[in-house]
């Protein structure tokens, strides 16, 4: 086999190739034979998709944690403001009663 140019595949093509693995009885070898690829290519694409999914999940978890932290901070601030207003209301109610 001579040295040729490196073949490049689109992300859609890779996704479709990996999706064929979900068919019953499909494995790396059978999908690779259908598409004239090597089983190693299909396995690499499959693992890349799994890793991308886990990194997306991790990014979502970080975003959710950041939002939860922000919401807790906002709630704490709102409770403190409410407490200040309650104390001020009680103070002015006493002050109004004295006059």
PDB file of N, CA and C in Angstrom:
ATOM      1  N   UNK A   1       0.846  -1.170   0.000  1.00  0.00           N
ATOM      2  CA  UNK A   1       0.000   0.000   0.000  1.00  0.00           C
ATOM      3  C   UNK A   1       0.891   1.232   0.000  1.00  0.00           C
ATOM      4  N   UNK A   2       0.730   2.084  -0.973  1.00  0.00           N
ATOM      5  CA  UNK A   2       1.563   3.270  -1.091  1.00  0.00           C
ATOM      6  C   UNK A   2       1.070   4.374  -0.194  1.00  0.00           C
ATOM      7  N   UNK A   3       1.931   5.354  -0.062  1.00  0.00           N
ATOM      8  CA  UNK A   3       1.550   6.482   0.769  1.00  0.00           C
ATOM      9  C   UNK A   3       0.712   7.438  -0.052  1.00  0.00           C
ATOM     10  N   UNK A   4      -0.471   7.678   0.401  1.00  0.00           N
ATOM     11  CA  UNK A   4      -1.380   8.605  -0.270  1.00  0.00           C
ATOM     12  C   UNK A   4      -1.680   9.764   0.636  1.00  0.00           C
ATOM     13  N   UNK A   5      -2.632  10.536   0.232  1.00  0.00           N
ATOM     14  CA  UNK A   5      -3.040  11.652   1.077  1.00  0.00           C
ATOM     15  C   UNK A   5      -3.924  11.129   2.194  1.00  0.00           C
ATOM     16  N   UNK A   6      -3.889  11.810   3.286  1.00  0.00           N
ATOM     17  CA  UNK A   6      -4.692  11.409   4.439  1.00  0.00           C
ATOM     18  C   UNK A   6      -6.154  11.756   4.163  1.00  0.00           C
ATOM     19  N   UNK A   7      -7.010  10.768   4.327  1.00  0.00           N
ATOM     20  CA  UNK A   7      -8.439  11.008   4.111  1.00  0.00           C
ATOM     21  C   UNK A   7      -9.012  11.753   5.306  1.00  0.00           C
ATOM     22  N   UNK A   8      -9.865  12.690   5.022  1.00  0.00           N
ATOM     23  CA  UNK A   8     -10.519  13.455   6.074  1.00  0.00           C
ATOM     24  C   UNK A   8     -12.015  13.187   6.000  1.00  0.00           C
ATOM     25  N   UNK A   9     -12.628  13.062   7.165  1.00  0.00           N
ATOM     26  CA  UNK A   9     -14.047  12.770   7.239  1.00  0.00           C
ATOM     27  C   UNK A   9     -14.749  13.859   8.028  1.00  0.00           C
ATOM     28  N   UNK A  10     -15.955  14.183   7.596  1.00  0.00           N
ATOM     29  CA  UNK A  10     -16.726  15.211   8.292  1.00  0.00           C
ATOM     30  C   UNK A  10     -17.239  14.646   9.619  1.00  0.00           C
ATOM     31  N   UNK A  11     -17.606  15.545  10.499  1.00  0.00           N
ATOM     32  CA  UNK A  11     -18.154  15.125  11.787  1.00  0.00           C
ATOM     33  C   UNK A  11     -19.462  14.359  11.597  1.00  0.00           C
ATOM     34  N   UNK A  12     -20.258  14.768  10.605  1.00  0.00           N
ATOM     35  CA  UNK A  12     -21.517  14.074  10.353  1.00  0.00           C
ATOM     36  C   UNK A  12     -21.256  12.630   9.927  1.00  0.00           C
ATOM     37  N   UNK A  13     -20.258  12.437   9.073  1.00  0.00           N
ATOM     38  CA  UNK A  13     -19.909  11.091   8.617  1.00  0.00           C
ATOM     39  C   UNK A  13     -19.461  10.232   9.803  1.00  0.00           C
ATOM     40  N   UNK A  14     -18.637  10.814  10.661  1.00  0.00           N
ATOM     41  CA  UNK A  14     -18.162  10.082  11.834  1.00  0.00           C
ATOM     42  C   UNK A  14     -19.328   9.731  12.758  1.00  0.00           C
ATOM     43  N   UNK A  15     -20.248  10.691  12.945  1.00  0.00           N
ATOM     44  CA  UNK A  15     -21.412  10.439  13.802  1.00  0.00           C
ATOM     45  C   UNK A  15     -22.273   9.310  13.243  1.00  0.00           C
ATOM     46  N   UNK A  16     -22.473   9.321  11.929  1.00  0.00           N
ATOM     47  CA  UNK A  16     -23.276   8.267  11.309  1.00  0.00           C
ATOM     48  C   UNK A  16     -22.584   6.912  11.431  1.00  0.00           C
ATOM     49  N   UNK A  17     -21.272   6.894  11.267  1.00  0.00           N
ATOM     50  CA  UNK A  17     -20.527   5.643  11.387  1.00  0.00           C
ATOM     51  C   UNK A  17     -20.638   5.096  12.806  1.00  0.00           C
ATOM     52  N   UNK A  18     -20.506   5.954  13.784  1.00  0.00           N
ATOM     53  CA  UNK A  18     -20.609   5.524  15.179  1.00  0.00           C
ATOM     54  C   UNK A  18     -22.042   5.105  15.499  1.00  0.00           C
ATOM     55  N   UNK A  19     -23.017   5.785  14.897  1.00  0.00           N
ATOM     56  CA  UNK A  19     -24.415   5.438  15.139  1.00  0.00           C
ATOM     57  C   UNK A  19     -24.725   4.020  14.652  1.00  0.00           C
ATOM     58  N   UNK A  20     -24.017   3.565  13.632  1.00  0.00           N
ATOM     59  CA  UNK A  20     -24.235   2.201  13.128  1.00  0.00           C
ATOM     60  C   UNK A  20     -23.868   1.149  14.163  1.00  0.00           C
ATOM     61  N   UNK A  21     -23.044   1.512  15.133  1.00  0.00           N
ATOM     62  CA  UNK A  21     -22.678   0.562  16.184  1.00  0.00           C
ATOM     63  C   UNK A  21     -23.880   0.176  17.044  1.00  0.00           C
ATOM     64  N   UNK A  22     -24.891   1.037  17.068  1.00  0.00           N
ATOM     65  CA  UNK A  22     -26.056   0.759  17.906  1.00  0.00           C
ATOM     66  C   UNK A  22     -26.995  -0.262  17.268  1.00  0.00           C
ATOM     67  N   UNK A  23     -26.786  -0.577  15.984  1.00  0.00           N
ATOM     68  CA  UNK A  23     -27.607  -1.599  15.326  1.00  0.00           C
ATOM     69  C   UNK A  23     -27.282  -2.963  15.930  1.00  0.00           C
ATOM     70  N   UNK A  24     -28.287  -3.823  15.952  1.00  0.00           N
ATOM     71  CA  UNK A  24     -28.065  -5.146  16.551  1.00  0.00           C
ATOM     72  C   UNK A  24     -27.048  -5.929  15.726  1.00  0.00           C
ATOM     73  N   UNK A  25     -26.120  -6.541  16.410  1.00  0.00           N
ATOM     74  CA  UNK A  25     -25.098  -7.354  15.765  1.00  0.00           C
ATOM     75  C   UNK A  25     -23.945  -6.561  15.178  1.00  0.00           C
ATOM     76  N   UNK A  26     -23.971  -5.242  15.324  1.00  0.00           N
ATOM     77  CA  UNK A  26     -22.899  -4.420  14.761  1.00  0.00           C
ATOM     78  C   UNK A  26     -21.737  -4.351  15.742  1.00  0.00           C
ATOM     79  N   UNK A  27     -20.547  -4.400  15.189  1.00  0.00           N
ATOM     80  CA  UNK A  27     -19.336  -4.214  15.984  1.00  0.00           C
ATOM     81  C   UNK A  27     -18.360  -3.384  15.161  1.00  0.00           C
ATOM     82  N   UNK A  28     -17.208  -3.090  15.732  1.00  0.00           N
ATOM     83  CA  UNK A  28     -16.242  -2.246  15.030  1.00  0.00           C
ATOM     84  C   UNK A  28     -15.875  -2.842  13.668  1.00  0.00           C
ATOM     85  N   UNK A  29     -15.648  -4.130  13.628  1.00  0.00           N
ATOM     86  CA  UNK A  29     -15.216  -4.790  12.389  1.00  0.00           C
ATOM     87  C   UNK A  29     -16.302  -4.699  11.310  1.00  0.00           C
ATOM     88  N   UNK A  30     -17.546  -5.012  11.663  1.00  0.00           N
ATOM     89  CA  UNK A  30     -18.609  -5.008  10.657  1.00  0.00           C
ATOM     90  C   UNK A  30     -18.872  -3.613  10.102  1.00  0.00           C
ATOM     91  N   UNK A  31     -18.883  -2.622  10.977  1.00  0.00           N
ATOM     92  CA  UNK A  31     -19.103  -1.245  10.520  1.00  0.00           C
ATOM     93  C   UNK A  31     -17.927  -0.784   9.666  1.00  0.00           C
ATOM     94  N   UNK A  32     -16.724  -1.119  10.094  1.00  0.00           N
ATOM     95  CA  UNK A  32     -15.533  -0.727   9.338  1.00  0.00           C
ATOM     96  C   UNK A  32     -15.537  -1.371   7.954  1.00  0.00           C
ATOM     97  N   UNK A  33     -15.937  -2.629   7.860  1.00  0.00           N
ATOM     98  CA  UNK A  33     -15.992  -3.306   6.562  1.00  0.00           C
ATOM     99  C   UNK A  33     -17.024  -2.664   5.646  1.00  0.00           C
ATOM    100  N   UNK A  34     -18.171  -2.278   6.202  1.00  0.00           N
ATOM    101  CA  UNK A  34     -19.212  -1.624   5.402  1.00  0.00           C
ATOM    102  C   UNK A  34     -18.723  -0.310   4.808  1.00  0.00           C
ATOM    103  N   UNK A  35     -17.929   0.428   5.573  1.00  0.00           N
ATOM    104  CA  UNK A  35     -17.525   1.775   5.177  1.00  0.00           C
ATOM    105  C   UNK A  35     -16.103   1.845   4.618  1.00  0.00           C
ATOM    106  N   UNK A  36     -15.465   0.686   4.454  1.00  0.00           N
ATOM    107  CA  UNK A  36     -14.089   0.618   3.956  1.00  0.00           C
ATOM    108  C   UNK A  36     -13.135   1.419   4.845  1.00  0.00           C
ATOM    109  N   UNK A  37     -13.276   1.194   6.129  1.00  0.00           N
ATOM    110  CA  UNK A  37     -12.414   1.838   7.122  1.00  0.00           C
ATOM    111  C   UNK A  37     -11.753   0.746   7.949  1.00  0.00           C
ATOM    112  N   UNK A  38     -10.933   1.160   8.890  1.00  0.00           N
ATOM    113  CA  UNK A  38     -10.345   0.188   9.801  1.00  0.00           C
ATOM    114  C   UNK A  38     -11.154   0.190  11.093  1.00  0.00           C
ATOM    115  N   UNK A  39     -11.195  -0.930  11.770  1.00  0.00           N
ATOM    116  CA  UNK A  39     -11.906  -0.970  13.055  1.00  0.00           C
ATOM    117  C   UNK A  39     -11.341   0.042  14.056  1.00  0.00           C
ATOM    118  N   UNK A  40     -10.047   0.308  13.964  1.00  0.00           N
ATOM    119  CA  UNK A  40      -9.422   1.268  14.884  1.00  0.00           C
ATOM    120  C   UNK A  40      -9.991   2.671  14.677  1.00  0.00           C
ATOM    121  N   UNK A  41     -10.279   3.029  13.420  1.00  0.00           N
ATOM    122  CA  UNK A  41     -10.863   4.354  13.157  1.00  0.00           C
ATOM    123  C   UNK A  41     -12.240   4.464  13.812  1.00  0.00           C
ATOM    124  N   UNK A  42     -13.054   3.438  13.622  1.00  0.00           N
ATOM    125  CA  UNK A  42     -14.399   3.461  14.197  1.00  0.00           C
ATOM    126  C   UNK A  42     -14.312   3.518  15.722  1.00  0.00           C
ATOM    127  N   UNK A  43     -13.417   2.740  16.291  1.00  0.00           N
ATOM    128  CA  UNK A  43     -13.268   2.730  17.752  1.00  0.00           C
ATOM    129  C   UNK A  43     -12.811   4.099  18.253  1.00  0.00           C
ATOM    130  N   UNK A  44     -11.864   4.712  17.554  1.00  0.00           N
ATOM    131  CA  UNK A  44     -11.383   6.041  17.941  1.00  0.00           C
ATOM    132  C   UNK A  44     -12.512   7.058  17.897  1.00  0.00           C
ATOM    133  N   UNK A  45     -13.290   7.040  16.819  1.00  0.00           N
ATOM    134  CA  UNK A  45     -14.413   7.976  16.700  1.00  0.00           C
ATOM    135  C   UNK A  45     -15.434   7.722  17.801  1.00  0.00           C
ATOM    136  N   UNK A  46     -15.689   6.461  18.094  1.00  0.00           N
ATOM    137  CA  UNK A  46     -16.645   6.116  19.145  1.00  0.00           C
ATOM    138  C   UNK A  46     -16.166   6.647  20.497  1.00  0.00           C
ATOM    139  N   UNK A  47     -14.902   6.431  20.807  1.00  0.00           N
ATOM    140  CA  UNK A  47     -14.358   6.905  22.084  1.00  0.00           C
ATOM    141  C   UNK A  47     -14.340   8.429  22.153  1.00  0.00           C
ATOM    142  N   UNK A  48     -14.073   9.082  21.020  1.00  0.00           N
ATOM    143  CA  UNK A  48     -14.104  10.547  20.989  1.00  0.00           C
ATOM    144  C   UNK A  48     -15.498  11.053  21.299  1.00  0.00           C
ATOM    145  N   UNK A  49     -16.517  10.397  20.735  1.00  0.00           N
ATOM    146  CA  UNK A  49     -17.892  10.817  20.992  1.00  0.00           C
ATOM    147  C   UNK A  49     -18.255  10.608  22.460  1.00  0.00           C
ATOM    148  N   UNK A  50     -17.815   9.509  23.042  1.00  0.00           N
ATOM    149  CA  UNK A  50     -18.085   9.264  24.464  1.00  0.00           C
ATOM    150  C   UNK A  50     -17.412  10.311  25.331  1.00  0.00           C
ATOM    151  N   UNK A  51     -16.160  10.635  25.005  1.00  0.00           N
ATOM    152  CA  UNK A  51     -15.426  11.639  25.787  1.00  0.00           C
ATOM    153  C   UNK A  51     -16.063  13.009  25.640  1.00  0.00           C
ATOM    154  N   UNK A  52     -16.513  13.333  24.438  1.00  0.00           N
ATOM    155  CA  UNK A  52     -17.163  14.632  24.219  1.00  0.00           C
ATOM    156  C   UNK A  52     -18.446  14.703  25.034  1.00  0.00           C
ATOM    157  N   UNK A  53     -19.178  13.602  25.092  1.00  0.00           N
ATOM    158  CA  UNK A  53     -20.410  13.579  25.883  1.00  0.00           C
ATOM    159  C   UNK A  53     -20.131  13.781  27.352  1.00  0.00           C
ATOM    160  N   UNK A  54     -19.068  13.163  27.849  1.00  0.00           N
ATOM    161  CA  UNK A  54     -18.757  13.309  29.267  1.00  0.00           C
ATOM    162  C   UNK A  54     -18.239  14.714  29.572  1.00  0.00           C
ATOM    163  N   UNK A  55     -17.506  15.319  28.630  1.00  0.00           N
ATOM    164  CA  UNK A  55     -17.028  16.680  28.871  1.00  0.00           C
ATOM    165  C   UNK A  55     -18.191  17.668  28.827  1.00  0.00           C
ATOM    166  N   UNK A  56     -19.174  17.404  27.960  1.00  0.00           N
ATOM    167  CA  UNK A  56     -20.357  18.261  27.926  1.00  0.00           C
ATOM    168  C   UNK A  56     -21.147  18.123  29.217  1.00  0.00           C
ATOM    169  N   UNK A  57     -21.247  16.908  29.713  1.00  0.00           N
ATOM    170  CA  UNK A  57     -21.957  16.693  30.977  1.00  0.00           C
ATOM    171  C   UNK A  57     -21.226  17.389  32.118  1.00  0.00           C
ATOM    172  N   UNK A  58     -19.907  17.320  32.104  1.00  0.00           N
ATOM    173  CA  UNK A  58     -19.112  17.982  33.132  1.00  0.00           C
ATOM    174  C   UNK A  58     -19.293  19.498  33.062  1.00  0.00           C
ATOM    175  N   UNK A  59     -19.325  20.043  31.849  1.00  0.00           N
ATOM    176  CA  UNK A  59     -19.529  21.483  31.681  1.00  0.00           C
ATOM    177  C   UNK A  59     -20.909  21.882  32.193  1.00  0.00           C
ATOM    178  N   UNK A  60     -21.928  21.047  31.915  1.00  0.00           N
ATOM    179  CA  UNK A  60     -23.272  21.330  32.419  1.00  0.00           C
ATOM    180  C   UNK A  60     -23.304  21.296  33.937  1.00  0.00           C
ATOM    181  N   UNK A  61     -22.604  20.328  34.530  1.00  0.00           N
ATOM    182  CA  UNK A  61     -22.567  20.233  35.986  1.00  0.00           C
ATOM    183  C   UNK A  61     -21.907  21.462  36.591  1.00  0.00           C
ATOM    184  N   UNK A  62     -20.819  21.918  35.976  1.00  0.00           N
ATOM    185  CA  UNK A  62     -20.137  23.112  36.487  1.00  0.00           C
ATOM    186  C   UNK A  62     -21.040  24.333  36.376  1.00  0.00           C
ATOM    187  N   UNK A  63     -21.751  24.452  35.257  1.00  0.00           N
ATOM    188  CA  UNK A  63     -22.656  25.587  35.067  1.00  0.00           C
ATOM    189  C   UNK A  63     -23.796  25.531  36.081  1.00  0.00           C
ATOM    190  N   UNK A  64     -24.335  24.341  36.316  1.00  0.00           N
ATOM    191  CA  UNK A  64     -25.403  24.190  37.299  1.00  0.00           C
ATOM    192  C   UNK A  64     -24.914  24.514  38.704  1.00  0.00           C
ATOM    193  N   UNK A  65     -23.699  24.087  39.033  1.00  0.00           N
ATOM    194  CA  UNK A  65     -23.136  24.369  40.350  1.00  0.00           C
ATOM    195  C   UNK A  65     -22.908  25.869  40.526  1.00  0.00           C
ATOM    196  N   UNK A  66     -22.446  26.528  39.476  1.00  0.00           N
ATOM    197  CA  UNK A  66     -22.224  27.975  39.549  1.00  0.00           C
ATOM    198  C   UNK A  66     -23.547  28.711  39.734  1.00  0.00           C
ATOM    199  N   UNK A  67     -24.579  28.265  39.013  1.00  0.00           N
ATOM    200  CA  UNK A  67     -25.884  28.897  39.143  1.00  0.00           C
ATOM    201  C   UNK A  67     -26.462  28.666  40.541  1.00  0.00           C
ATOM    202  N   UNK A  68     -26.317  27.457  41.048  1.00  0.00           N
ATOM    203  CA  UNK A  68     -26.798  27.156  42.393  1.00  0.00           C
ATOM    204  C   UNK A  68     -26.092  28.021  43.430  1.00  0.00           C
ATOM    205  N   UNK A  69     -24.797  28.198  43.284  1.00  0.00           N
ATOM    206  CA  UNK A  69     -24.029  29.042  44.198  1.00  0.00           C
ATOM    207  C   UNK A  69     -24.523  30.486  44.135  1.00  0.00           C
ATOM    208  N   UNK A  70     -24.760  30.981  42.909  1.00  0.00           N
ATOM    209  CA  UNK A  70     -25.247  32.347  42.735  1.00  0.00           C
ATOM    210  C   UNK A  70     -26.627  32.505  43.370  1.00  0.00           C
ATOM    211  N   UNK A  71     -27.498  31.512  43.159  1.00  0.00           N
ATOM    212  CA  UNK A  71     -28.845  31.590  43.724  1.00  0.00           C
ATOM    213  C   UNK A  71     -28.820  31.548  45.246  1.00  0.00           C
ATOM    214  N   UNK A  72     -27.946  30.742  45.820  1.00  0.00           N
ATOM    215  CA  UNK A  72     -27.819  30.697  47.285  1.00  0.00           C
ATOM    216  C   UNK A  72     -27.318  32.026  47.824  1.00  0.00           C
ATOM    217  N   UNK A  73     -26.355  32.634  47.129  1.00  0.00           N
ATOM    218  CA  UNK A  73     -25.828  33.928  47.543  1.00  0.00           C
ATOM    219  C   UNK A  73     -26.928  34.993  47.470  1.00  0.00           C
ATOM    220  N   UNK A  74     -27.727  34.958  46.386  1.00  0.00           N
ATOM    221  CA  UNK A  74     -28.827  35.907  46.244  1.00  0.00           C
ATOM    222  C   UNK A  74     -29.875  35.711  47.337  1.00  0.00           C
ATOM    223  N   UNK A  75     -30.167  34.452  47.664  1.00  0.00           N
ATOM    224  CA  UNK A  75     -31.140  34.167  48.715  1.00  0.00           C
ATOM    225  C   UNK A  75     -30.648  34.680  50.064  1.00  0.00           C
ATOM    226  N   UNK A  76     -29.369  34.470  50.356  1.00  0.00           N
ATOM    227  CA  UNK A  76     -28.802  34.944  51.617  1.00  0.00           C
ATOM    228  C   UNK A  76     -28.906  36.462  51.702  1.00  0.00           C
ATOM    229  N   UNK A  77     -28.589  37.129  50.590  1.00  0.00           N
ATOM    230  CA  UNK A  77     -28.658  38.595  50.551  1.00  0.00           C
ATOM    231  C   UNK A  77     -30.102  39.066  50.736  1.00  0.00           C
ATOM    232  N   UNK A  78     -31.046  38.399  50.098  1.00  0.00           N
ATOM    233  CA  UNK A  78     -32.455  38.786  50.218  1.00  0.00           C
ATOM    234  C   UNK A  78     -32.946  38.582  51.656  1.00  0.00           C
ATOM    235  N   UNK A  79     -32.518  37.499  52.290  1.00  0.00           N
ATOM    236  CA  UNK A  79     -32.912  37.264  53.689  1.00  0.00           C
ATOM    237  C   UNK A  79     -32.343  38.337  54.607  1.00  0.00           C
ATOM    238  N   UNK A  80     -31.085  38.730  54.357  1.00  0.00           N
ATOM    239  CA  UNK A  80     -30.477  39.783  55.176  1.00  0.00           C
ATOM    240  C   UNK A  80     -31.206  41.097  54.984  1.00  0.00           C
ATOM    241  N   UNK A  81     -31.558  41.425  53.739  1.00  0.00           N
ATOM    242  CA  UNK A  81     -32.295  42.661  53.467  1.00  0.00           C
ATOM    243  C   UNK A  81     -33.669  42.622  54.130  1.00  0.00           C
ATOM    244  N   UNK A  82     -34.320  41.475  54.070  1.00  0.00           N
ATOM    245  CA  UNK A  82     -35.630  41.316  54.696  1.00  0.00           C
ATOM    246  C   UNK A  82     -35.532  41.494  56.211  1.00  0.00           C
ATOM    247  N   UNK A  83     -34.479  40.948  56.808  1.00  0.00           N
ATOM    248  CA  UNK A  83     -34.273  41.077  58.247  1.00  0.00           C
ATOM    249  C   UNK A  83     -34.057  42.546  58.623  1.00  0.00           C
ATOM    250  N   UNK A  84     -33.272  43.250  57.829  1.00  0.00           N
ATOM    251  CA  UNK A  84     -33.028  44.686  58.086  1.00  0.00           C
ATOM    252  C   UNK A  84     -34.334  45.460  57.989  1.00  0.00           C
ATOM    253  N   UNK A  85     -35.126  45.166  56.969  1.00  0.00           N
ATOM    254  CA  UNK A  85     -36.401  45.869  56.810  1.00  0.00           C
ATOM    255  C   UNK A  85     -37.361  45.558  57.962  1.00  0.00           C
ATOM    256  N   UNK A  86     -37.367  44.320  58.429  1.00  0.00           N
ATOM    257  CA  UNK A  86     -38.222  43.941  59.551  1.00  0.00           C
ATOM    258  C   UNK A  86     -37.812  44.715  60.803  1.00  0.00           C
ATOM    259  N   UNK A  87     -36.511  44.809  61.063  1.00  0.00           N
ATOM    260  CA  UNK A  87     -36.023  45.544  62.239  1.00  0.00           C
ATOM    261  C   UNK A  87     -36.325  47.032  62.116  1.00  0.00           C
ATOM    262  N   UNK A  88     -36.139  47.574  60.907  1.00  0.00           N
ATOM    263  CA  UNK A  88     -36.431  48.998  60.693  1.00  0.00           C
ATOM    264  C   UNK A  88     -37.911  49.270  60.885  1.00  0.00           C
ATOM    265  N   UNK A  89     -38.751  48.366  60.401  1.00  0.00           N
ATOM    266  CA  UNK A  89     -40.195  48.529  60.550  1.00  0.00           C
ATOM    267  C   UNK A  89     -40.581  48.522  62.030  1.00  0.00           C
ATOM    268  N   UNK A  90     -39.988  47.599  62.786  1.00  0.00           N
ATOM    269  CA  UNK A  90     -40.285  47.539  64.230  1.00  0.00           C
ATOM    270  C   UNK A  90     -39.805  48.810  64.927  1.00  0.00           C
ATOM    271  N   UNK A  91     -38.634  49.310  64.540  1.00  0.00           N
ATOM    272  CA  UNK A  91     -38.096  50.528  65.152  1.00  0.00           C
ATOM    273  C   UNK A  91     -39.016  51.710  64.891  1.00  0.00           C
ATOM    274  N   UNK A  92     -39.423  51.879  63.632  1.00  0.00           N
ATOM    275  CA  UNK A  92     -40.267  53.020  63.298  1.00  0.00           C
ATOM    276  C   UNK A  92     -41.676  52.879  63.887  1.00  0.00           C
ATOM    277  N   UNK A  93     -42.126  51.638  64.059  1.00  0.00           N
ATOM    278  CA  UNK A  93     -43.424  51.421  64.697  1.00  0.00           C
ATOM    279  C   UNK A  93     -43.366  51.857  66.158  1.00  0.00           C
ATOM    280  N   UNK A  94     -42.243  51.542  66.852  1.00  0.00           N
ATOM    281  CA  UNK A  94     -42.085  52.001  68.240  1.00  0.00           C
ATOM    282  C   UNK A  94     -41.950  53.517  68.283  1.00  0.00           C
ATOM    283  N   UNK A  95     -41.191  54.072  67.377  1.00  0.00           N
ATOM    284  CA  UNK A  95     -40.969  55.509  67.347  1.00  0.00           C
ATOM    285  C   UNK A  95     -42.275  56.261  67.087  1.00  0.00           C
ATOM    286  N   UNK A  96     -43.092  55.699  66.188  1.00  0.00           N
ATOM    287  CA  UNK A  96     -44.385  56.338  65.876  1.00  0.00           C
ATOM    288  C   UNK A  96     -45.317  56.239  67.089  1.00  0.00           C
ATOM    289  N   UNK A  97     -45.204  55.180  67.874  1.00  0.00           N
ATOM    290  CA  UNK A  97     -46.061  55.009  69.055  1.00  0.00           C
ATOM    291  C   UNK A  97     -45.703  55.950  70.165  1.00  0.00           C
ATOM    292  N   UNK A  98     -44.444  56.418  70.210  1.00  0.00           N
ATOM    293  CA  UNK A  98     -43.995  57.333  71.268  1.00  0.00           C
ATOM    294  C   UNK A  98     -44.416  58.759  70.990  1.00  0.00           C
ATOM    295  N   UNK A  99     -44.676  59.081  69.761  1.00  0.00           N
ATOM    296  CA  UNK A  99     -45.007  60.491  69.473  1.00  0.00           C
ATOM    297  C   UNK A  99     -46.476  60.759  69.460  1.00  0.00           C
TER     298      UNK A  99
END
